[in-house]
Every structure is written in C-alpha cells, then in structure tokens.
Protein backbone atom coordinates (compact mmCIF):
# COMPACT_ATOMS: atom_id res chain seq x y z
CA UNK A 1 42.01 61.90 8.61
CA UNK A 2 39.57 64.80 8.93
CA UNK A 3 40.79 68.37 8.53
CA UNK A 4 38.57 71.18 9.82
CA UNK A 5 39.26 74.83 8.94
CA UNK A 6 37.99 77.77 10.98
CA UNK A 7 38.59 81.47 11.38
CA UNK A 8 38.78 83.19 14.74
CA UNK A 9 37.79 86.85 14.54
CA UNK A 10 39.43 89.35 16.85
CA UNK A 11 38.90 93.06 17.28
CA UNK A 12 41.54 94.75 19.35
CA UNK A 13 42.21 98.16 20.82
CA UNK A 14 44.89 100.66 19.70
CA UNK A 15 48.61 99.94 19.74
CA UNK A 16 50.00 96.68 21.16
CA UNK A 17 47.43 94.25 22.56
CA UNK A 18 47.83 90.63 23.60
CA UNK A 19 44.84 88.30 23.47
CA UNK A 20 44.61 84.79 24.91
CA UNK A 21 43.29 82.56 22.10
CA UNK A 22 43.44 79.34 24.14
CA UNK A 23 39.74 79.20 25.16
CA UNK A 24 38.54 79.92 21.61
CA UNK A 25 40.81 77.25 20.14
CA UNK A 26 39.72 74.73 22.75
CA UNK A 27 36.06 75.52 21.98
CA UNK A 28 36.68 74.84 18.28
CA UNK A 29 38.33 71.51 19.10
CA UNK A 30 35.34 70.57 21.28
CA UNK A 31 33.04 71.03 18.27
CA UNK A 32 34.93 68.30 16.38
CA UNK A 33 35.25 64.56 16.88
CA UNK A 34 39.05 64.80 16.96
CA UNK A 35 40.61 63.21 20.04
CA UNK A 36 44.27 63.09 19.04
CA UNK A 37 45.94 65.21 16.40
CA UNK A 38 47.09 68.77 16.07
CA UNK A 39 45.89 72.30 15.57
CA UNK A 40 47.66 74.80 13.34
CA UNK A 41 47.12 78.45 14.25
CA UNK A 42 48.15 80.99 11.61
CA UNK A 43 48.13 84.78 11.84
CA UNK A 44 46.81 86.25 8.58
CA UNK A 45 48.25 89.76 8.91
CA UNK A 46 51.74 91.28 8.61
CA UNK A 47 51.42 93.36 11.77
CA UNK A 48 50.12 90.61 14.06
CA UNK A 49 51.86 87.59 15.54
CA UNK A 50 51.47 84.50 17.68
CA UNK A 51 53.41 82.97 20.55
CA UNK A 52 52.98 80.41 23.27
CA UNK A 53 53.73 81.80 26.70
CA UNK A 54 52.19 82.60 30.07
CA UNK A 55 49.11 84.83 30.04
CA UNK A 56 49.86 86.82 33.18
CA UNK A 57 49.05 90.53 33.42
CA UNK A 58 52.45 91.78 34.59
CA UNK A 59 54.32 89.61 32.08
CA UNK A 60 52.08 90.93 29.29
CA UNK A 61 53.10 94.49 30.21
CA UNK A 62 56.77 93.43 30.23
CA UNK A 63 56.34 91.93 26.75
CA UNK A 64 54.82 95.17 25.43
CA UNK A 65 57.71 97.23 26.82
CA UNK A 66 60.23 94.75 25.39
CA UNK A 67 58.68 94.89 21.90
CA UNK A 68 58.54 98.70 21.98
CA UNK A 69 62.25 98.79 22.86
CA UNK A 70 63.05 96.48 19.93
CA UNK A 71 61.23 98.67 17.40
CA UNK A 72 60.34 102.10 18.80
CA UNK A 73 57.49 103.82 16.97
CA UNK A 74 59.46 107.09 17.03
CA UNK A 75 62.47 105.71 15.10
CA UNK A 76 63.00 106.57 11.43
CA UNK A 77 61.91 103.79 9.01
CA UNK A 78 62.01 103.80 5.20
CA UNK A 79 58.66 102.00 5.07
CA UNK A 80 57.09 105.08 6.65
CA UNK A 81 58.15 107.33 3.75
CA UNK A 82 54.67 106.97 2.29
CA UNK A 83 55.27 109.65 -0.37
CA UNK A 84 58.06 107.51 -1.86
CA UNK A 85 56.06 104.26 -2.02
CA UNK A 86 53.91 103.12 -4.92
CA UNK A 87 50.39 101.69 -4.85
CA UNK A 88 49.55 102.35 -1.23
CA UNK A 89 45.99 102.62 0.06
CA UNK A 90 44.81 106.09 1.13
CA UNK A 91 44.50 105.00 4.78
CA UNK A 92 48.00 103.45 4.97
CA UNK A 93 49.44 103.98 8.48
CA UNK A 94 53.07 104.61 9.33
CA UNK A 95 53.59 101.20 10.87
CA UNK A 96 57.09 99.93 10.06
CA UNK A 97 57.69 99.38 13.77
CA UNK A 98 54.68 97.01 13.87
CA UNK A 99 56.03 94.95 10.97
CA UNK A 100 59.42 94.66 12.68
CA UNK A 101 57.88 93.58 15.98
CA UNK A 102 55.82 90.94 14.16
CA UNK A 103 58.97 89.57 12.53
CA UNK A 104 60.55 88.96 15.96
CA UNK A 105 57.63 86.75 16.95
CA UNK A 106 55.95 84.07 14.82
CA UNK A 107 53.12 83.82 12.31
CA UNK A 108 52.08 80.29 13.29
CA UNK A 109 52.03 77.68 16.01
CA UNK A 110 51.27 73.95 15.88
CA UNK A 111 49.91 72.46 19.09
CA UNK A 112 49.18 68.80 19.76
CA UNK A 113 45.67 67.67 20.63
CA UNK A 114 45.69 64.95 23.27
CA UNK A 115 42.46 63.36 24.50
CA UNK A 116 40.44 66.17 22.90
CA UNK A 117 42.38 68.96 24.64
CA UNK A 118 45.25 71.24 23.70
CA UNK A 119 48.51 69.62 24.80
CA UNK A 120 49.83 72.79 26.44
CA UNK A 121 51.92 72.91 29.60
CA UNK A 122 50.58 74.18 32.91
CA UNK A 123 51.27 77.87 32.33
CA UNK A 124 51.18 77.94 28.53
CA UNK A 125 48.60 79.86 26.53
CA UNK A 126 48.30 80.66 22.83
CA UNK A 127 48.82 84.41 22.57
CA UNK A 128 47.74 86.63 19.68
CA UNK A 129 49.65 89.91 19.33
CA UNK A 130 47.97 92.92 17.74
CA UNK A 131 50.82 95.29 16.94
CA UNK A 132 49.04 97.93 14.83
CA UNK A 133 45.52 98.30 16.20
CA UNK A 134 42.74 99.02 16.35
CA UNK A 135 41.69 96.66 13.59
CA UNK A 136 39.51 93.65 12.96
CA UNK A 137 41.71 90.59 12.52
CA UNK A 138 41.31 86.92 11.68
CA UNK A 139 43.40 83.96 12.74
CA UNK A 140 43.24 80.76 10.68
CA UNK A 141 42.75 77.60 12.72
CA UNK A 142 43.18 74.16 11.12
CA UNK A 143 42.35 71.13 13.25
CA UNK A 144 43.38 67.67 12.08
CA UNK A 145 43.59 64.21 13.57
CA UNK A 146 41.51 61.23 14.57
C-alpha cells in the first residue's frame, strides 16, 4: 500500500484565523493514484488546530468568539510569566490563551478517501485554526491506500 507524505504551507494573519484546507488536500489526493484509502492531516504547531465543520462566514465568526470566551487573551496565565521561564527564545509571545484554545480542538483528523475524493459530508470542510498569528505554518498530510 503506497504512503505519500506532503506538507501544506499556510501563512495567516494576526490573531485567530480559520482556513479551509479541503481544496488543498483534494489537490494532493488528485496527484496520487490512490482511489480508496485515507488521509491523515496533522497540525505541527502547539498554537494551531484542526477540525471538521462547516466553512460558512458567520459560523466562522461565531467560532472565533466562542474560542475567545474559552480562553480570553486578557486573563492571567502562568505561561505568560516569561521572566520566570527558562530557555525561552527572545521573540517568545505571551500566548498561553492560544495554547489553551488549541487544546480544546484537535491536532489531527483522519478522513476516508472514496473514489479518489475526500469522503466528507455535504457541508463538511477540513478547517485549520491559526490561534497565534501571524506566522508561517505547516500541516502534515499523509495519504495512504490503493
């Protein structure tokens, strides 16, 4: 069974951003000979996440508000006491809220490939969440099957 590994590169804007990865994943599948199998999508950062949901503008705004309520940037977090931490890079942001938001979502998704296409439902999309932008990010994509 062939296994094909790829990286999807994403550059997002400041704060919380939600990007629809579905077209990019489908394009990667189309470059393979795999008709039936699965694709593993894995977020490679601690302040990003993945989910499968509807990519609709008003829902995306609701999701952002919901995440900000769960972990408000203005709250006090021990992780943000940079002067008390060891071995931190000079450009380390105060981003505990971003880590907490990421933990409420997921770092990976596995989606079936059926007849060469993602086996998603009618309104489902693969969503990438940037929670600490702006940054360049990569998402690991592993396609396997026959």
